[in-house]
C-alpha atoms as a PDB file:
ATOM      1  CA  MET A   1      13.967  32.266 -32.639  1.00  0.00           C
ATOM      2  CA  LEU A   2      13.731  28.370 -31.213  1.00  0.00           C
ATOM      3  CA  GLY A   3      17.914  28.573 -30.216  1.00  0.00           C
ATOM      4  CA  LYS A   4      17.163  31.571 -28.011  1.00  0.00           C
ATOM      5  CA  TYR A   5      14.354  29.380 -26.599  1.00  0.00           C
ATOM      6  CA  ILE A   6      16.546  26.810 -25.861  1.00  0.00           C
ATOM      7  CA  ASP A   7      19.300  28.144 -24.866  1.00  0.00           C
ATOM      8  CA  THR A   8      17.315  30.110 -22.263  1.00  0.00           C
ATOM      9  CA  CYS A   9      16.153  27.074 -21.254  1.00  0.00           C
ATOM     10  CA  VAL A  10      19.226  25.624 -20.401  1.00  0.00           C
ATOM     11  CA  ARG A  11      19.983  28.528 -18.512  1.00  0.00           C
ATOM     12  CA  ILE A  12      17.085  28.099 -16.403  1.00  0.00           C
ATOM     13  CA  LEU A  13      17.332  24.711 -15.687  1.00  0.00           C
ATOM     14  CA  ILE A  14      20.687  25.046 -14.808  1.00  0.00           C
ATOM     15  CA  VAL A  15      20.041  28.149 -12.154  1.00  0.00           C
ATOM     16  CA  ILE A  16      17.260  25.542 -10.315  1.00  0.00           C
ATOM     17  CA  PHE A  17      19.609  22.074 -10.606  1.00  0.00           C
ATOM     18  CA  VAL A  18      22.409  24.330  -8.730  1.00  0.00           C
ATOM     19  CA  ALA A  19      19.777  25.986  -6.330  1.00  0.00           C
ATOM     20  CA  ASP A  20      18.236  21.789  -5.401  1.00  0.00           C
ATOM     21  CA  PHE A  21      21.874  21.142  -4.966  1.00  0.00           C
ATOM     22  CA  MET A  22      22.193  23.945  -2.564  1.00  0.00           C
ATOM     23  CA  GLN A  23      19.042  23.019  -0.631  1.00  0.00           C
ATOM     24  CA  ARG A  24      19.609  19.448  -0.452  1.00  0.00           C
ATOM     25  CA  LEU A  25      23.557  20.440   1.069  1.00  0.00           C
ATOM     26  CA  SER A  26      21.897  22.375   3.201  1.00  0.00           C
ATOM     27  CA  TYR A  27      19.231  19.468   4.593  1.00  0.00           C
ATOM     28  CA  ALA A  28      22.338  17.439   4.525  1.00  0.00           C
ATOM     29  CA  LEU A  29      24.050  19.506   7.021  1.00  0.00           C
ATOM     30  CA  ALA A  30      20.898  20.044   9.128  1.00  0.00           C
ATOM     31  CA  GLU A  31      20.648  16.624   9.606  1.00  0.00           C
ATOM     32  CA  TYR A  32      23.727  15.757  10.662  1.00  0.00           C
ATOM     33  CA  PHE A  33      23.968  18.344  13.243  1.00  0.00           C
ATOM     34  CA  LEU A  34      20.371  18.729  14.044  1.00  0.00           C
ATOM     35  CA  TYR A  35      19.460  14.894  14.025  1.00  0.00           C
ATOM     36  CA  GLY A  36      22.982  13.028  14.178  1.00  0.00           C
ATOM     37  CA  ASN A  37      21.268  10.566  16.961  1.00  0.00           C
ATOM     38  CA  HIS A  38      19.123   8.742  14.020  1.00  0.00           C
ATOM     39  CA  TYR A  39      21.565   7.541  12.813  1.00  0.00           C
ATOM     40  CA  LEU A  40      24.665   5.098  13.667  1.00  0.00           C
ATOM     41  CA  LEU A  41      27.598   6.523  13.972  1.00  0.00           C
ATOM     42  CA  GLU A  42      29.714   5.107  11.721  1.00  0.00           C
ATOM     43  CA  GLU A  43      27.503   5.297   8.857  1.00  0.00           C
ATOM     44  CA  ARG A  44      26.046   8.817   9.971  1.00  0.00           C
ATOM     45  CA  LEU A  45      27.742  11.144   7.252  1.00  0.00           C
ATOM     46  CA  LEU A  46      27.632   8.584   4.163  1.00  0.00           C
ATOM     47  CA  THR A  47      23.936   7.325   4.928  1.00  0.00           C
ATOM     48  CA  ILE A  48      22.713  11.522   5.531  1.00  0.00           C
ATOM     49  CA  LEU A  49      24.714  12.084   1.953  1.00  0.00           C
ATOM     50  CA  ARG A  50      22.778   9.450   0.236  1.00  0.00           C
ATOM     51  CA  ARG A  51      19.607   9.828   1.358  1.00  0.00           C
ATOM     52  CA  ALA A  52      20.239  14.056   0.127  1.00  0.00           C
ATOM     53  CA  PHE A  53      21.412  13.327  -3.330  1.00  0.00           C
ATOM     54  CA  THR A  54      19.896  10.573  -4.071  1.00  0.00           C
ATOM     55  CA  TYR A  55      17.831  12.060  -7.290  1.00  0.00           C
ATOM     56  CA  ASN A  56      14.790   9.864  -8.936  1.00  0.00           C
ATOM     57  CA  SER A  57      14.882   8.670 -12.283  1.00  0.00           C
ATOM     58  CA  LYS A  58      13.035  11.559 -13.911  1.00  0.00           C
ATOM     59  CA  THR A  59      15.355  14.020 -12.264  1.00  0.00           C
ATOM     60  CA  ILE A  60      18.050  11.973 -14.086  1.00  0.00           C
ATOM     61  CA  CYS A  61      15.878  11.769 -17.143  1.00  0.00           C
ATOM     62  CA  LEU A  62      15.743  15.236 -17.461  1.00  0.00           C
ATOM     63  CA  THR A  63      19.476  15.691 -16.306  1.00  0.00           C
ATOM     64  CA  PHE A  64      20.675  14.182 -19.366  1.00  0.00           C
ATOM     65  CA  GLY A  65      18.382  15.516 -21.795  1.00  0.00           C
ATOM     66  CA  ILE A  66      19.116  19.355 -20.337  1.00  0.00           C
ATOM     67  CA  MET A  67      23.440  18.069 -21.429  1.00  0.00           C
ATOM     68  CA  PHE A  68      22.295  16.686 -24.550  1.00  0.00           C
ATOM     69  CA  LEU A  69      20.836  20.233 -25.393  1.00  0.00           C
ATOM     70  CA  GLY A  70      23.531  21.985 -23.898  1.00  0.00           C
ATOM     71  CA  PHE A  71      26.577  20.211 -26.075  1.00  0.00           C
ATOM     72  CA  ALA A  72      24.108  19.953 -29.324  1.00  0.00           C
ATOM     73  CA  ARG A  73      23.312  24.072 -29.235  1.00  0.00           C
ATOM     74  CA  PHE A  74      27.518  24.248 -28.277  1.00  0.00           C
ATOM     75  CA  GLY A  75      27.997  22.247 -31.045  1.00  0.00           C
ATOM     76  CA  ARG A  76      26.001  24.347 -33.505  1.00  0.00           C
ATOM     77  CA  THR A  77      27.357  27.731 -32.223  1.00  0.00           C
ATOM     78  CA  GLY A  78      30.141  27.265 -30.697  1.00  0.00           C
ATOM     79  CA  ASN A  79      29.242  29.558 -28.126  1.00  0.00           C
ATOM     80  CA  LEU A  80      29.477  28.662 -24.889  1.00  0.00           C
ATOM     81  CA  ASN A  81      28.379  31.576 -23.110  1.00  0.00           C
ATOM     82  CA  GLN A  82      24.973  31.874 -24.119  1.00  0.00           C
ATOM     83  CA  LEU A  83      24.530  29.034 -22.165  1.00  0.00           C
ATOM     84  CA  LEU A  84      26.082  29.615 -19.003  1.00  0.00           C
ATOM     85  CA  PRO A  85      23.701  31.539 -16.199  1.00  0.00           C
ATOM     86  CA  SER A  86      25.097  34.916 -15.380  1.00  0.00           C
ATOM     87  CA  CYS A  87      25.459  36.006 -11.799  1.00  0.00           C
ATOM     88  CA  SER A  88      22.428  38.011 -11.941  1.00  0.00           C
ATOM     89  CA  ASP A  89      20.534  34.610 -13.135  1.00  0.00           C
ATOM     90  CA  PHE A  90      21.626  33.144  -9.959  1.00  0.00           C
ATOM     91  CA  ALA A  91      20.483  36.088  -8.052  1.00  0.00           C
ATOM     92  CA  TYR A  92      16.989  33.978  -8.131  1.00  0.00           C
ATOM     93  CA  MET A  93      17.540  31.392  -6.602  1.00  0.00           C
ATOM     94  CA  PRO A  94      15.799  32.593  -3.021  1.00  0.00           C
ATOM     95  CA  LEU A  95      12.482  32.500  -5.330  1.00  0.00           C
ATOM     96  CA  TYR A  96      13.131  28.328  -6.356  1.00  0.00           C
ATOM     97  CA  TRP A  97      14.210  28.125  -2.285  1.00  0.00           C
ATOM     98  CA  ILE A  98      10.862  29.842  -1.076  1.00  0.00           C
ATOM     99  CA  TYR A  99       8.952  28.039  -3.153  1.00  0.00           C
ATOM    100  CA  ILE A 100       9.880  24.631  -2.471  1.00  0.00           C
ATOM    101  CA  TYR A 101       9.592  25.749   1.433  1.00  0.00           C
ATOM    102  CA  ALA A 102       6.498  26.842   1.722  1.00  0.00           C
ATOM    103  CA  GLN A 103       5.573  23.963  -0.637  1.00  0.00           C
ATOM    104  CA  MET A 104       2.937  25.846  -2.889  1.00  0.00           C
ATOM    105  CA  SER A 105       3.214  23.029  -5.480  1.00  0.00           C
ATOM    106  CA  GLN A 106       2.107  20.414  -2.920  1.00  0.00           C
ATOM    107  CA  SER A 107      -1.098  19.467  -3.395  1.00  0.00           C
ATOM    108  CA  SER A 108      -3.665  16.359  -2.595  1.00  0.00           C
ATOM    109  CA  LEU A 109      -2.838  14.562  -5.386  1.00  0.00           C
ATOM    110  CA  SER A 110       1.275  14.455  -4.363  1.00  0.00           C
ATOM    111  CA  TYR A 111      -0.282  12.424  -1.433  1.00  0.00           C
ATOM    112  CA  ALA A 112      -2.482   9.765  -3.761  1.00  0.00           C
ATOM    113  CA  HIS A 113       0.275   9.625  -6.408  1.00  0.00           C
ATOM    114  CA  TRP A 114       3.005   8.804  -3.669  1.00  0.00           C
ATOM    115  CA  ILE A 115       0.646   6.337  -1.876  1.00  0.00           C
ATOM    116  CA  ARG A 116       0.688   4.595  -5.624  1.00  0.00           C
ATOM    117  CA  ASP A 117       4.504   4.659  -5.707  1.00  0.00           C
ATOM    118  CA  ALA A 118       6.032   0.962  -5.063  1.00  0.00           C
ATOM    119  CA  HIS A 119       8.219   2.157  -2.043  1.00  0.00           C
ATOM    120  CA  GLY A 120       6.195  -0.158   0.806  1.00  0.00           C
ATOM    121  CA  LEU A 121       6.650   3.013   2.949  1.00  0.00           C
ATOM    122  CA  ASP A 122       2.414   4.150   2.959  1.00  0.00           C
ATOM    123  CA  TYR A 123       0.005   3.099   5.334  1.00  0.00           C
ATOM    124  CA  ALA A 124      -1.035   1.181   2.855  1.00  0.00           C
ATOM    125  CA  ALA A 125       1.744  -1.368   2.719  1.00  0.00           C
ATOM    126  CA  GLY A 126       2.475  -0.995   6.181  1.00  0.00           C
ATOM    127  CA  MET A 127      -0.699  -2.262   6.720  1.00  0.00           C
ATOM    128  CA  ALA A 128      -0.805  -5.036   4.084  1.00  0.00           C
ATOM    129  CA  SER A 129       2.676  -6.322   4.962  1.00  0.00           C
ATOM    130  CA  ASN A 130       1.919  -6.492   8.564  1.00  0.00           C
ATOM    131  CA  TYR A 131      -1.077  -8.352   8.181  1.00  0.00           C
ATOM    132  CA  PHE A 132       0.532 -10.409   5.679  1.00  0.00           C
ATOM    133  CA  HIS A 133       4.174 -11.287   7.540  1.00  0.00           C
ATOM    134  CA  GLY A 134       2.323 -11.806  11.159  1.00  0.00           C
ATOM    135  CA  TYR A 135      -0.704 -13.224  10.149  1.00  0.00           C
ATOM    136  CA  LEU A 136      -1.465 -15.037   7.141  1.00  0.00           C
ATOM    137  CA  LYS A 137       2.014 -16.985   6.189  1.00  0.00           C
ATOM    138  CA  LEU A 138       1.704 -17.648  10.116  1.00  0.00           C
ATOM    139  CA  SER A 139      -1.206 -19.428   9.965  1.00  0.00           C
ATOM    140  CA  LEU A 140      -2.480 -21.032   7.070  1.00  0.00           C
ATOM    141  CA  PRO A 141       0.322 -23.099   5.549  1.00  0.00           C
ATOM    142  CA  ALA A 142       0.796 -26.401   6.334  1.00  0.00           C
ATOM    143  CA  ARG A 143       3.478 -26.794   9.037  1.00  0.00           C
ATOM    144  CA  ASN A 144       3.668 -30.389  11.004  1.00  0.00           C
ATOM    145  CA  GLY A 145       0.004 -30.878   9.767  1.00  0.00           C
ATOM    146  CA  GLU A 146      -1.359 -27.882  10.944  1.00  0.00           C
ATOM    147  CA  GLY A 147      -2.043 -26.040   8.410  1.00  0.00           C
ATOM    148  CA  LEU A 148      -5.659 -24.349   6.790  1.00  0.00           C
ATOM    149  CA  GLN A 149      -6.581 -27.514   4.410  1.00  0.00           C
ATOM    150  CA  GLN A 150      -4.825 -29.701   6.756  1.00  0.00           C
ATOM    151  CA  ARG A 151      -7.772 -27.843   9.185  1.00  0.00           C
ATOM    152  CA  MET A 152     -10.602 -28.006   6.782  1.00  0.00           C
ATOM    153  CA  THR A 153     -10.139 -31.149   6.649  1.00  0.00           C
ATOM    154  CA  ASP A 154     -10.036 -32.767   9.878  1.00  0.00           C
ATOM    155  CA  TYR A 155     -13.283 -30.191  10.359  1.00  0.00           C
ATOM    156  CA  GLU A 156     -15.118 -31.851   6.978  1.00  0.00           C
ATOM    157  CA  ASP A 157     -14.344 -35.428   8.716  1.00  0.00           C
ATOM    158  CA  SER A 158     -15.863 -34.483  12.037  1.00  0.00           C
ATOM    159  CA  GLN A 159     -18.693 -32.684  11.645  1.00  0.00           C
ATOM    160  CA  ASN A 160     -19.789 -34.222   8.604  1.00  0.00           C
ATOM    161  CA  VAL A 161     -19.588 -31.208   6.370  1.00  0.00           C
ATOM    162  CA  LYS A 162     -18.361 -29.778   3.424  1.00  0.00           C
ATOM    163  CA  PHE A 163     -16.624 -26.308   3.036  1.00  0.00           C
ATOM    164  CA  GLY A 164     -17.629 -24.213  -0.810  1.00  0.00           C
ATOM    165  CA  LEU A 165     -14.392 -23.154  -0.908  1.00  0.00           C
ATOM    166  CA  ARG A 166     -11.153 -24.300   0.521  1.00  0.00           C
ATOM    167  CA  ARG A 167      -9.347 -21.415   1.077  1.00  0.00           C
ATOM    168  CA  LEU A 168      -9.736 -18.890   3.690  1.00  0.00           C
ATOM    169  CA  ILE A 169     -12.320 -16.176   2.844  1.00  0.00           C
ATOM    170  CA  ILE A 170     -10.866 -12.709   3.928  1.00  0.00           C
ATOM    171  CA  LEU A 171     -13.400  -9.757   3.341  1.00  0.00           C
ATOM    172  CA  VAL A 172     -12.658  -5.866   2.508  1.00  0.00           C
ATOM    173  CA  PRO A 173     -15.538  -3.649   2.084  1.00  0.00           C
ATOM    174  CA  ASP A 174     -14.264  -0.247   0.656  1.00  0.00           C
ATOM    175  CA  GLU A 175     -15.673   1.409   4.086  1.00  0.00           C
ATOM    176  CA  MET A 176     -13.108  -0.887   5.677  1.00  0.00           C
ATOM    177  CA  PHE A 177     -16.050  -1.681   8.363  1.00  0.00           C
ATOM    178  CA  VAL A 178     -16.587  -5.328   8.923  1.00  0.00           C
ATOM    179  CA  LYS A 179     -18.251  -6.440  11.980  1.00  0.00           C
ATOM    180  CA  GLY A 180     -16.827  -9.471  14.502  1.00  0.00           C
ATOM    181  CA  LEU A 181     -20.339 -11.476  13.312  1.00  0.00           C
ATOM    182  CA  ILE A 182     -21.654 -11.672   9.593  1.00  0.00           C
ATOM    183  CA  ASP A 183     -25.071 -10.614  10.062  1.00  0.00           C
ATOM    184  CA  SER A 184     -27.020 -12.012   7.198  1.00  0.00           C
ATOM    185  CA  PRO A 185     -30.516 -14.386   7.238  1.00  0.00           C
ATOM    186  CA  LEU A 186     -28.274 -16.341   4.947  1.00  0.00           C
ATOM    187  CA  PHE A 187     -25.405 -17.240   7.543  1.00  0.00           C
ATOM    188  CA  GLU A 188     -25.880 -18.791  10.361  1.00  0.00           C
ATOM    189  CA  LYS A 189     -22.450 -19.369  12.684  1.00  0.00           C
ATOM    190  CA  ALA A 190     -20.516 -22.626  13.594  1.00  0.00           C
ATOM    191  CA  LYS A 191     -18.351 -24.050  15.252  1.00  0.00           C
ATOM    192  CA  PRO A 192     -14.653 -22.337  14.661  1.00  0.00           C
ATOM    193  CA  LEU A 193     -11.678 -24.384  13.061  1.00  0.00           C
ATOM    194  CA  GLU A 194      -9.150 -25.579  15.479  1.00  0.00           C
ATOM    195  CA  THR A 195      -7.475 -23.187  16.774  1.00  0.00           C
ATOM    196  CA  HIS A 196      -3.093 -23.368  15.647  1.00  0.00           C
ATOM    197  CA  PHE A 197      -0.995 -21.873  18.347  1.00  0.00           C
ATOM    198  CA  ILE A 198       2.261 -20.502  17.093  1.00  0.00           C
ATOM    199  CA  ASN A 199       5.362 -18.999  19.033  1.00  0.00           C
ATOM    200  CA  ARG A 200       5.774 -15.434  17.808  1.00  0.00           C
ATOM    201  CA  ALA A 201       8.368 -13.689  19.674  1.00  0.00           C
ATOM    202  CA  GLY A 202       7.981 -15.357  23.072  1.00  0.00           C
ATOM    203  CA  VAL A 203       4.126 -15.140  22.440  1.00  0.00           C
ATOM    204  CA  ASN A 204       2.469 -18.128  22.039  1.00  0.00           C
ATOM    205  CA  ARG A 205      -0.314 -17.078  20.358  1.00  0.00           C
ATOM    206  CA  PRO A 206      -3.317 -18.384  19.151  1.00  0.00           C
ATOM    207  CA  PHE A 207      -4.817 -18.379  15.270  1.00  0.00           C
ATOM    208  CA  LYS A 208      -8.101 -19.211  14.296  1.00  0.00           C
ATOM    209  CA  HIS A 209     -10.940 -18.592  11.577  1.00  0.00           C
ATOM    210  CA  ASP A 210     -14.508 -18.244  12.488  1.00  0.00           C
ATOM    211  CA  VAL A 211     -16.874 -20.498  10.141  1.00  0.00           C
ATOM    212  CA  TYR A 212     -19.848 -20.391   8.759  1.00  0.00           C
ATOM    213  CA  ARG A 213     -22.970 -22.382   7.451  1.00  0.00           C
ATOM    214  CA  LEU A 214     -24.802 -20.820   4.054  1.00  0.00           C
ATOM    215  CA  ASN A 215     -28.610 -21.539   4.932  1.00  0.00           C
ATOM    216  CA  ARG A 216     -29.297 -21.366   1.409  1.00  0.00           C
ATOM    217  CA  LYS A 217     -28.344 -24.958  -0.696  1.00  0.00           C
ATOM    218  CA  ILE A 218     -26.140 -24.840  -3.814  1.00  0.00           C
ATOM    219  CA  ASN A 219     -26.655 -28.058  -5.811  1.00  0.00           C
ATOM    220  CA  ASN A 220     -29.100 -30.056  -2.959  1.00  0.00           C
ATOM    221  CA  THR A 221     -25.857 -29.256  -0.275  1.00  0.00           C
ATOM    222  CA  SER A 222     -25.531 -26.627   2.819  1.00  0.00           C
ATOM    223  CA  TYR A 223     -21.873 -25.608   1.913  1.00  0.00           C
ATOM    224  CA  TYR A 224     -19.244 -23.984   4.908  1.00  0.00           C
ATOM    225  CA  PHE A 225     -17.061 -21.599   4.942  1.00  0.00           C
ATOM    226  CA  ALA A 226     -14.138 -19.910   6.799  1.00  0.00           C
ATOM    227  CA  ILE A 227     -14.797 -16.029   6.985  1.00  0.00           C
ATOM    228  CA  GLU A 228     -13.052 -13.277   8.510  1.00  0.00           C
ATOM    229  CA  GLY A 229     -12.911  -9.132   7.718  1.00  0.00           C
ATOM    230  CA  ALA A 230      -9.592  -7.757   7.422  1.00  0.00           C
ATOM    231  CA  THR A 231      -8.714  -6.588  10.772  1.00  0.00           C
ATOM    232  CA  PRO A 232      -5.827  -4.254   9.759  1.00  0.00           C
ATOM    233  CA  MET A 233      -8.405  -2.071   7.666  1.00  0.00           C
ATOM    234  CA  LEU A 234     -10.814  -2.321  10.296  1.00  0.00           C
ATOM    235  CA  SER A 235      -7.926  -1.115  12.793  1.00  0.00           C
ATOM    236  CA  PHE A 236      -7.953   2.047  10.370  1.00  0.00           C
ATOM    237  CA  PHE A 237     -11.357   2.519   9.938  1.00  0.00           C
ATOM    238  CA  ASP A 238     -11.257   2.855  13.683  1.00  0.00           C
ATOM    239  CA  ALA A 239      -8.438   5.080  13.750  1.00  0.00           C
ATOM    240  CA  MET A 240      -9.649   7.804  11.023  1.00  0.00           C
ATOM    241  CA  HIS A 241     -12.733   8.177  13.337  1.00  0.00           C
ATOM    242  CA  HIS A 242     -10.907   8.805  16.543  1.00  0.00           C
ATOM    243  CA  GLN A 243      -9.853  12.561  17.516  1.00  0.00           C
ATOM    244  CA  LEU A 244      -6.056  11.221  18.766  1.00  0.00           C
ATOM    245  CA  SER A 245      -5.446  10.008  15.220  1.00  0.00           C
ATOM    246  CA  ALA A 246      -7.596  11.364  13.036  1.00  0.00           C
ATOM    247  CA  THR A 247      -6.675  13.740   9.932  1.00  0.00           C
ATOM    248  CA  TRP A 248      -7.619  15.315   7.176  1.00  0.00           C
ATOM    249  CA  GLN A 249      -4.795  13.440   5.183  1.00  0.00           C
ATOM    250  CA  MET A 250      -6.671   9.695   5.840  1.00  0.00           C
ATOM    251  CA  GLN A 251     -10.429  10.604   5.123  1.00  0.00           C
ATOM    252  CA  GLU A 252      -9.135  12.326   1.998  1.00  0.00           C
ATOM    253  CA  MET A 253      -6.959   9.582   0.801  1.00  0.00           C
ATOM    254  CA  LYS A 254      -9.363   6.359   2.501  1.00  0.00           C
ATOM    255  CA  ARG A 255      -9.633   5.061  -0.829  1.00  0.00           C
ATOM    256  CA  GLU A 256      -6.289   5.094  -2.237  1.00  0.00           C
ATOM    257  CA  ILE A 257      -4.911   3.202   1.199  1.00  0.00           C
ATOM    258  CA  TRP A 258      -7.733   0.983   0.577  1.00  0.00           C
ATOM    259  CA  LEU A 259      -6.442   0.360  -2.909  1.00  0.00           C
ATOM    260  CA  LYS A 260      -2.861   0.645  -2.150  1.00  0.00           C
ATOM    261  CA  PHE A 261      -3.822  -2.196   0.485  1.00  0.00           C
ATOM    262  CA  CYS A 262      -5.490  -4.437  -1.420  1.00  0.00           C
ATOM    263  CA  LYS A 263      -3.001  -4.346  -4.477  1.00  0.00           C
ATOM    264  CA  HIS A 264      -0.623  -5.004  -2.107  1.00  0.00           C
ATOM    265  CA  LEU A 265      -1.730  -7.501  -0.187  1.00  0.00           C
ATOM    266  CA  LYS A 266      -3.329  -9.173  -3.535  1.00  0.00           C
ATOM    267  CA  GLY A 267       0.371  -9.386  -4.584  1.00  0.00           C
ATOM    268  CA  LEU A 268       2.080 -10.635  -1.653  1.00  0.00           C
ATOM    269  CA  LEU A 269      -0.596 -13.691  -1.077  1.00  0.00           C
ATOM    270  CA  SER A 270       0.239 -14.912  -4.679  1.00  0.00           C
ATOM    271  CA  THR A 271       3.732 -13.940  -4.979  1.00  0.00           C
ATOM    272  CA  TRP A 272       4.536 -16.236  -1.587  1.00  0.00           C
ATOM    273  CA  PRO A 273       4.575 -19.771  -2.858  1.00  0.00           C
ATOM    274  CA  GLU A 274       3.168 -21.148   0.998  1.00  0.00           C
ATOM    275  CA  THR A 275      -0.100 -18.601   0.962  1.00  0.00           C
ATOM    276  CA  ARG A 276      -0.714 -18.632  -3.063  1.00  0.00           C
ATOM    277  CA  ASN A 277      -4.117 -20.875  -2.881  1.00  0.00           C
ATOM    278  CA  GLU A 278      -4.958 -20.383   0.796  1.00  0.00           C
ATOM    279  CA  VAL A 279      -6.654 -17.062   0.641  1.00  0.00           C
ATOM    280  CA  GLU A 280     -10.079 -16.052  -1.477  1.00  0.00           C
ATOM    281  CA  LEU A 281      -9.238 -11.989  -1.331  1.00  0.00           C
ATOM    282  CA  ILE A 282     -13.184 -10.305  -1.871  1.00  0.00           C
ATOM    283  CA  PHE A 283     -12.863  -6.912  -2.842  1.00  0.00           C
ATOM    284  CA  TYR A 284     -16.017  -5.009  -2.579  1.00  0.00           C
ATOM    285  CA  SER A 285     -18.715  -2.076  -2.127  1.00  0.00           C
ATOM    286  CA  ALA A 286     -20.006  -1.912   0.969  1.00  0.00           C
ATOM    287  CA  HIS A 287     -23.498  -0.361  -0.029  1.00  0.00           C
ATOM    288  CA  ASN A 288     -25.070  -0.399  -3.765  1.00  0.00           C
ATOM    289  CA  SER A 289     -26.218   2.399  -5.744  1.00  0.00           C
ATOM    290  CA  ASN A 290     -29.061   3.141  -3.837  1.00  0.00           C
ATOM    291  CA  GLY A 291     -26.870   3.966  -0.849  1.00  0.00           C
ATOM    292  CA  GLU A 292     -27.978   0.381   1.067  1.00  0.00           C
ATOM    293  CA  HIS A 293     -25.585  -1.668   2.914  1.00  0.00           C
ATOM    294  CA  VAL A 294     -25.140  -5.101   0.598  1.00  0.00           C
ATOM    295  CA  ASP A 295     -24.808  -8.303   2.398  1.00  0.00           C
ATOM    296  CA  GLU A 296     -21.633  -9.877   2.643  1.00  0.00           C
ATOM    297  CA  ALA A 297     -23.574 -13.516   2.148  1.00  0.00           C
ATOM    298  CA  GLU A 298     -24.954 -12.465  -0.873  1.00  0.00           C
ATOM    299  CA  VAL A 299     -21.841 -11.374  -1.576  1.00  0.00           C
ATOM    300  CA  ILE A 300     -19.748 -14.241  -1.035  1.00  0.00           C
ATOM    301  CA  ILE A 301     -22.620 -16.248  -2.604  1.00  0.00           C
ATOM    302  CA  ASN A 302     -21.865 -14.532  -6.245  1.00  0.00           C
ATOM    303  CA  HIS A 303     -18.616 -14.637  -5.733  1.00  0.00           C
ATOM    304  CA  VAL A 304     -18.315 -18.308  -5.534  1.00  0.00           C
ATOM    305  CA  PHE A 305     -21.623 -19.386  -6.894  1.00  0.00           C
ATOM    306  CA  LYS A 306     -21.233 -17.536  -9.922  1.00  0.00           C
ATOM    307  CA  ASP A 307     -22.802 -20.628 -12.285  1.00  0.00           C
ATOM    308  CA  LYS A 308     -24.288 -22.900  -9.409  1.00  0.00           C
ATOM    309  CA  VAL A 309     -27.740 -23.612  -8.890  1.00  0.00           C
ATOM    310  CA  ILE A 310     -28.767 -22.048  -5.798  1.00  0.00           C
ATOM    311  CA  TYR A 311     -31.910 -23.367  -3.981  1.00  0.00           C
END
């Protein structure tokens, strides 16, 4: 009984693999003739074939598993015919094509799983990479005496103050919205750090970081902080709420995108030696259990001064 069940499974999966191969081949032909201008001429055919016939690790493992079962059954029975599909079995291949074409297996969870994968092609990873490579990796490291640490030291010396954390604090609330000015009775806007200019693609871009003074004293000291919100998250928030760019998938997957952005950005900052100790990322819920908006200053105080005496 079990043997017949295995034989049937092998036959069905062979039909599915053949149907999948033919579908991939049809996609490759359509890609070649309809979208050939998306590829360089000298690499068009090989690139299309590689994309069409690349299988993920799960499919490869399943294939080898079925081959193992087939060889095992053949070694036991010596009958190959019971493992090979008949012509009538292949007649059911159009059902597979219809099923895949209609995306009957697609669900919102499919989008979530795709976002979580480490391919770097999703919206969240793209925003984190652009933020890191286009801003943080440029403005923070010490280059020609103009890095974040040097600017903080110069600020402390000229203003006769002290930073509570010698890092750039980046706020990343889960609702993805941070005001241009942190509005809290605990914080007072101070003079920003010295503007740092870097030539980027022919544009002499200014890089500046806002500074806030904490009105509460920590161990009898008024501390200063360099603080800003994660601007890519604010851009995503705007895109989500604009009729020209908003989609239901963005709304449905907004927390997945936020989590992936946090994870990817944290990984980039900790991996690159020049930014490893330059940023303090603070991920937090924008509302408490009662639905009230939390004070960003309270979030920073609780994060930085966990064991300090606050007056």
